[in-house]
N, C-alpha and C. Protein backbone atom coordinates (compact mmCIF):
# COMPACT_ATOMS: atom_id res chain seq x y z
N MET A 1 37.66 38.21 -11.16
CA MET A 1 36.63 38.13 -10.15
C MET A 1 35.24 38.12 -10.78
N VAL A 2 35.08 38.84 -11.88
CA VAL A 2 33.79 38.89 -12.57
C VAL A 2 33.47 37.50 -13.13
N ALA A 3 34.48 36.80 -13.60
CA ALA A 3 34.26 35.47 -14.16
C ALA A 3 33.76 34.50 -13.09
N VAL A 4 34.30 34.59 -11.88
CA VAL A 4 33.89 33.71 -10.79
C VAL A 4 32.44 34.01 -10.39
N LYS A 5 32.09 35.29 -10.30
CA LYS A 5 30.72 35.68 -9.95
C LYS A 5 29.75 35.20 -11.02
N SER A 6 30.12 35.33 -12.27
CA SER A 6 29.26 34.88 -13.36
C SER A 6 29.07 33.37 -13.31
N LEU A 7 30.14 32.67 -13.01
CA LEU A 7 30.06 31.21 -12.91
C LEU A 7 29.16 30.79 -11.75
N VAL A 8 29.24 31.46 -10.62
CA VAL A 8 28.41 31.15 -9.46
C VAL A 8 26.94 31.40 -9.78
N VAL A 9 26.64 32.51 -10.45
CA VAL A 9 25.26 32.82 -10.83
C VAL A 9 24.75 31.77 -11.81
N PHE A 10 25.56 31.41 -12.80
CA PHE A 10 25.17 30.42 -13.79
C PHE A 10 24.89 29.06 -13.12
N MET A 11 25.74 28.66 -12.20
CA MET A 11 25.55 27.39 -11.51
C MET A 11 24.31 27.44 -10.61
N GLY A 12 24.03 28.57 -10.01
CA GLY A 12 22.82 28.73 -9.21
C GLY A 12 21.56 28.58 -10.06
N VAL A 13 21.59 29.18 -11.25
CA VAL A 13 20.46 29.06 -12.17
C VAL A 13 20.27 27.60 -12.58
N LEU A 14 21.37 26.91 -12.89
CA LEU A 14 21.28 25.49 -13.24
C LEU A 14 20.71 24.66 -12.09
N LEU A 15 21.10 24.98 -10.88
CA LEU A 15 20.61 24.27 -9.72
C LEU A 15 19.10 24.47 -9.56
N VAL A 16 18.63 25.69 -9.69
CA VAL A 16 17.20 25.97 -9.56
C VAL A 16 16.42 25.29 -10.68
N LEU A 17 16.92 25.34 -11.91
CA LEU A 17 16.25 24.67 -13.02
C LEU A 17 16.21 23.16 -12.81
N GLY A 18 17.30 22.58 -12.35
CA GLY A 18 17.34 21.14 -12.10
C GLY A 18 16.34 20.72 -11.04
N LEU A 19 16.25 21.48 -9.95
CA LEU A 19 15.29 21.15 -8.90
C LEU A 19 13.86 21.31 -9.40
N GLY A 20 13.62 22.32 -10.22
CA GLY A 20 12.29 22.51 -10.80
C GLY A 20 11.90 21.34 -11.69
N LEU A 21 12.82 20.89 -12.53
CA LEU A 21 12.54 19.74 -13.39
C LEU A 21 12.34 18.46 -12.59
N LEU A 22 13.10 18.29 -11.53
CA LEU A 22 12.94 17.13 -10.66
C LEU A 22 11.55 17.12 -10.03
N GLY A 23 11.13 18.27 -9.51
CA GLY A 23 9.79 18.38 -8.91
C GLY A 23 8.70 18.11 -9.94
N TYR A 24 8.84 18.64 -11.14
CA TYR A 24 7.87 18.41 -12.21
C TYR A 24 7.78 16.92 -12.55
N GLY A 25 8.92 16.25 -12.65
CA GLY A 25 8.93 14.82 -12.95
C GLY A 25 8.27 14.01 -11.86
N MET A 26 8.50 14.36 -10.61
CA MET A 26 7.88 13.64 -9.50
C MET A 26 6.36 13.80 -9.52
N ILE A 27 5.89 14.99 -9.81
CA ILE A 27 4.45 15.23 -9.88
C ILE A 27 3.83 14.43 -11.02
N GLN A 28 4.49 14.40 -12.17
CA GLN A 28 3.97 13.64 -13.30
C GLN A 28 3.90 12.14 -12.98
N GLN A 29 4.92 11.61 -12.33
CA GLN A 29 4.92 10.19 -11.99
C GLN A 29 3.84 9.87 -10.96
N SER A 30 3.63 10.75 -9.98
CA SER A 30 2.60 10.48 -8.98
C SER A 30 1.22 10.52 -9.61
N ASP A 31 1.00 11.39 -10.59
CA ASP A 31 -0.28 11.41 -11.29
C ASP A 31 -0.51 10.11 -12.06
N LYS A 32 0.54 9.60 -12.70
CA LYS A 32 0.42 8.33 -13.43
C LYS A 32 0.10 7.19 -12.48
N MET A 33 0.75 7.17 -11.31
CA MET A 33 0.51 6.10 -10.35
C MET A 33 -0.92 6.18 -9.81
N ARG A 34 -1.40 7.39 -9.55
CA ARG A 34 -2.75 7.57 -9.03
C ARG A 34 -3.77 7.10 -10.07
N GLN A 35 -3.56 7.42 -11.34
CA GLN A 35 -4.48 7.00 -12.39
C GLN A 35 -4.47 5.48 -12.52
N HIS A 36 -3.30 4.86 -12.38
CA HIS A 36 -3.20 3.41 -12.48
C HIS A 36 -3.98 2.75 -11.34
N GLU A 37 -3.88 3.30 -10.13
CA GLU A 37 -4.60 2.75 -8.99
C GLU A 37 -6.10 2.91 -9.17
N ASP A 38 -6.55 4.02 -9.74
CA ASP A 38 -7.97 4.25 -9.95
C ASP A 38 -8.56 3.28 -10.96
N ASN A 39 -7.77 2.82 -11.93
CA ASN A 39 -8.26 1.93 -12.98
C ASN A 39 -8.25 0.47 -12.56
N ARG A 40 -7.58 0.16 -11.46
CA ARG A 40 -7.47 -1.23 -11.02
C ARG A 40 -8.75 -1.64 -10.30
N GLU A 41 -9.37 -2.73 -10.73
CA GLU A 41 -10.59 -3.22 -10.11
C GLU A 41 -10.43 -4.69 -9.76
N ALA A 42 -11.08 -5.10 -8.71
CA ALA A 42 -11.10 -6.52 -8.35
C ALA A 42 -12.06 -7.23 -9.30
N THR A 43 -11.61 -8.32 -9.91
CA THR A 43 -12.44 -9.00 -10.89
C THR A 43 -12.79 -10.43 -10.47
N PHE A 44 -12.55 -10.79 -9.23
CA PHE A 44 -12.85 -12.14 -8.80
C PHE A 44 -14.24 -12.19 -8.16
N GLY A 45 -14.76 -13.38 -8.04
CA GLY A 45 -16.07 -13.58 -7.41
C GLY A 45 -15.92 -13.69 -5.90
N PRO A 46 -16.84 -14.36 -5.25
CA PRO A 46 -16.77 -14.51 -3.80
C PRO A 46 -15.49 -15.25 -3.38
N ALA A 47 -14.88 -14.79 -2.32
CA ALA A 47 -13.67 -15.43 -1.78
C ALA A 47 -14.05 -16.14 -0.48
N ALA A 48 -13.76 -17.42 -0.39
CA ALA A 48 -14.08 -18.21 0.80
C ALA A 48 -12.86 -18.28 1.71
N LEU A 49 -13.08 -18.01 2.99
CA LEU A 49 -11.98 -18.07 3.96
C LEU A 49 -12.02 -19.32 4.81
N ASP A 50 -13.08 -20.12 4.73
CA ASP A 50 -13.23 -21.34 5.54
C ASP A 50 -13.07 -21.06 7.03
N GLU A 51 -13.77 -20.06 7.51
CA GLU A 51 -13.77 -19.72 8.93
C GLU A 51 -15.01 -20.32 9.57
N PRO A 52 -14.95 -20.64 10.86
CA PRO A 52 -16.12 -21.23 11.53
C PRO A 52 -17.28 -20.24 11.63
N GLU A 53 -18.48 -20.79 11.80
CA GLU A 53 -19.67 -19.95 11.95
C GLU A 53 -19.52 -19.09 13.20
N GLY A 54 -19.99 -17.88 13.13
CA GLY A 54 -19.87 -16.94 14.24
C GLY A 54 -18.67 -16.02 14.12
N THR A 55 -17.85 -16.21 13.08
CA THR A 55 -16.69 -15.36 12.86
C THR A 55 -17.16 -14.01 12.33
N ARG A 56 -16.59 -12.94 12.87
CA ARG A 56 -16.94 -11.58 12.43
C ARG A 56 -15.68 -10.89 11.93
N ILE A 57 -15.87 -10.01 10.95
CA ILE A 57 -14.77 -9.16 10.47
C ILE A 57 -14.75 -7.93 11.36
N ALA A 58 -13.69 -7.79 12.15
CA ALA A 58 -13.56 -6.66 13.07
C ALA A 58 -13.04 -5.42 12.35
N HIS A 59 -12.15 -5.62 11.41
CA HIS A 59 -11.62 -4.50 10.63
C HIS A 59 -10.98 -5.04 9.36
N MET A 60 -10.79 -4.14 8.41
CA MET A 60 -10.10 -4.53 7.17
C MET A 60 -9.35 -3.33 6.63
N ARG A 61 -8.25 -3.63 5.94
CA ARG A 61 -7.46 -2.59 5.29
C ARG A 61 -6.57 -3.24 4.25
N THR A 62 -6.11 -2.44 3.29
CA THR A 62 -5.18 -2.95 2.30
C THR A 62 -3.77 -2.57 2.72
N ASP A 63 -2.81 -3.34 2.25
CA ASP A 63 -1.42 -3.05 2.60
C ASP A 63 -0.71 -2.25 1.52
N GLY A 64 -1.41 -1.88 0.45
CA GLY A 64 -0.80 -1.11 -0.62
C GLY A 64 -0.05 -1.95 -1.63
N ALA A 65 0.02 -3.24 -1.41
CA ALA A 65 0.74 -4.13 -2.32
C ALA A 65 -0.20 -5.18 -2.90
N GLY A 66 -1.49 -4.88 -2.95
CA GLY A 66 -2.45 -5.79 -3.55
C GLY A 66 -2.97 -6.87 -2.63
N ARG A 67 -2.86 -6.65 -1.32
CA ARG A 67 -3.37 -7.62 -0.36
C ARG A 67 -4.36 -6.95 0.58
N LEU A 68 -5.40 -7.69 0.95
CA LEU A 68 -6.40 -7.22 1.91
C LEU A 68 -6.15 -7.93 3.23
N LEU A 69 -6.07 -7.16 4.31
CA LEU A 69 -5.86 -7.71 5.65
C LEU A 69 -7.18 -7.63 6.40
N LEU A 70 -7.71 -8.79 6.80
CA LEU A 70 -8.99 -8.87 7.51
C LEU A 70 -8.74 -9.26 8.95
N GLY A 71 -9.14 -8.42 9.88
CA GLY A 71 -9.08 -8.75 11.30
C GLY A 71 -10.32 -9.53 11.67
N LEU A 72 -10.18 -10.79 12.08
CA LEU A 72 -11.31 -11.67 12.36
C LEU A 72 -11.38 -11.97 13.85
N THR A 73 -12.61 -12.02 14.38
CA THR A 73 -12.82 -12.37 15.79
C THR A 73 -13.96 -13.38 15.87
N GLY A 74 -14.05 -14.07 16.98
CA GLY A 74 -15.16 -14.99 17.24
C GLY A 74 -15.00 -16.32 16.54
N GLY A 75 -16.09 -17.07 16.51
CA GLY A 75 -16.08 -18.38 15.88
C GLY A 75 -15.38 -19.43 16.72
N GLY A 76 -15.19 -19.17 18.01
CA GLY A 76 -14.54 -20.15 18.87
C GLY A 76 -13.03 -20.22 18.67
N ARG A 77 -12.46 -19.29 17.98
CA ARG A 77 -11.01 -19.28 17.74
C ARG A 77 -10.43 -17.95 18.24
N PRO A 78 -9.12 -17.91 18.50
CA PRO A 78 -8.53 -16.63 18.93
C PRO A 78 -8.59 -15.60 17.80
N ASP A 79 -8.42 -14.34 18.15
CA ASP A 79 -8.38 -13.29 17.14
C ASP A 79 -7.29 -13.60 16.12
N ARG A 80 -7.54 -13.23 14.88
CA ARG A 80 -6.61 -13.57 13.81
C ARG A 80 -6.72 -12.55 12.69
N VAL A 81 -5.71 -12.54 11.83
CA VAL A 81 -5.67 -11.67 10.66
C VAL A 81 -5.54 -12.57 9.43
N ALA A 82 -6.52 -12.49 8.53
CA ALA A 82 -6.49 -13.25 7.29
C ALA A 82 -5.97 -12.35 6.18
N VAL A 83 -5.10 -12.88 5.33
CA VAL A 83 -4.50 -12.12 4.23
C VAL A 83 -5.08 -12.67 2.92
N VAL A 84 -5.69 -11.78 2.12
CA VAL A 84 -6.33 -12.17 0.87
C VAL A 84 -5.69 -11.39 -0.27
N ASP A 85 -5.36 -12.08 -1.36
CA ASP A 85 -4.81 -11.45 -2.56
C ASP A 85 -5.95 -10.78 -3.31
N LEU A 86 -5.84 -9.46 -3.54
CA LEU A 86 -6.91 -8.73 -4.21
C LEU A 86 -6.99 -9.03 -5.71
N ALA A 87 -5.93 -9.54 -6.29
CA ALA A 87 -5.94 -9.81 -7.74
C ALA A 87 -6.84 -10.98 -8.08
N ASP A 88 -6.84 -12.03 -7.25
CA ASP A 88 -7.63 -13.21 -7.60
C ASP A 88 -8.49 -13.75 -6.45
N GLY A 89 -8.48 -13.09 -5.30
CA GLY A 89 -9.31 -13.51 -4.18
C GLY A 89 -8.80 -14.70 -3.41
N ARG A 90 -7.55 -15.09 -3.66
CA ARG A 90 -6.95 -16.25 -3.01
C ARG A 90 -6.62 -15.93 -1.55
N HIS A 91 -6.93 -16.86 -0.65
CA HIS A 91 -6.57 -16.72 0.77
C HIS A 91 -5.10 -17.10 0.92
N LEU A 92 -4.25 -16.12 1.23
CA LEU A 92 -2.81 -16.36 1.30
C LEU A 92 -2.37 -16.97 2.62
N GLY A 93 -3.08 -16.67 3.69
CA GLY A 93 -2.69 -17.21 4.98
C GLY A 93 -3.40 -16.51 6.11
N THR A 94 -3.17 -17.00 7.32
CA THR A 94 -3.79 -16.44 8.52
C THR A 94 -2.73 -16.31 9.60
N VAL A 95 -2.77 -15.19 10.29
CA VAL A 95 -1.87 -14.95 11.42
C VAL A 95 -2.71 -14.94 12.68
N LEU A 96 -2.41 -15.83 13.63
CA LEU A 96 -3.14 -15.89 14.90
C LEU A 96 -2.60 -14.84 15.87
N VAL A 97 -3.51 -14.19 16.56
CA VAL A 97 -3.13 -13.20 17.56
C VAL A 97 -3.43 -13.81 18.92
N THR A 98 -2.40 -14.28 19.62
CA THR A 98 -2.60 -14.94 20.90
C THR A 98 -1.81 -14.23 21.97
N GLY A 99 -2.24 -14.40 23.21
CA GLY A 99 -1.54 -13.81 24.34
C GLY A 99 -0.55 -14.79 24.93
N PRO A 100 0.21 -14.39 25.97
CA PRO A 100 1.21 -15.26 26.56
C PRO A 100 0.61 -16.54 27.16
N ALA A 101 -0.62 -16.51 27.65
CA ALA A 101 -1.23 -17.70 28.27
C ALA A 101 -1.65 -18.71 27.20
N ASP A 102 -1.79 -18.29 25.95
CA ASP A 102 -2.27 -19.17 24.89
C ASP A 102 -1.14 -19.95 24.22
N ARG A 103 0.09 -19.70 24.56
CA ARG A 103 1.20 -20.32 23.85
C ARG A 103 1.36 -21.70 24.28
């Protein structure tokens, strides 16, 4: 019976140590990822979207994968979302936001 109790205690210690090492590794990796994101800078010049005059940027956000999403309004066109590659400023495409009457 003493052998079984000793084995259970030993396995419990191994479990706690393993979880501690796993947590430590996750923290180290997240620090590396954060440092990598901080060092990344956009190096392209002006990016042209070829939108009509009167177009306004209503909102913008990144998708976390190196793309900028621009919500555009006005310019005589329906609301739309333009997708721009942050690495080189290339316009990847536009998604039109239309209602049921516009189809």
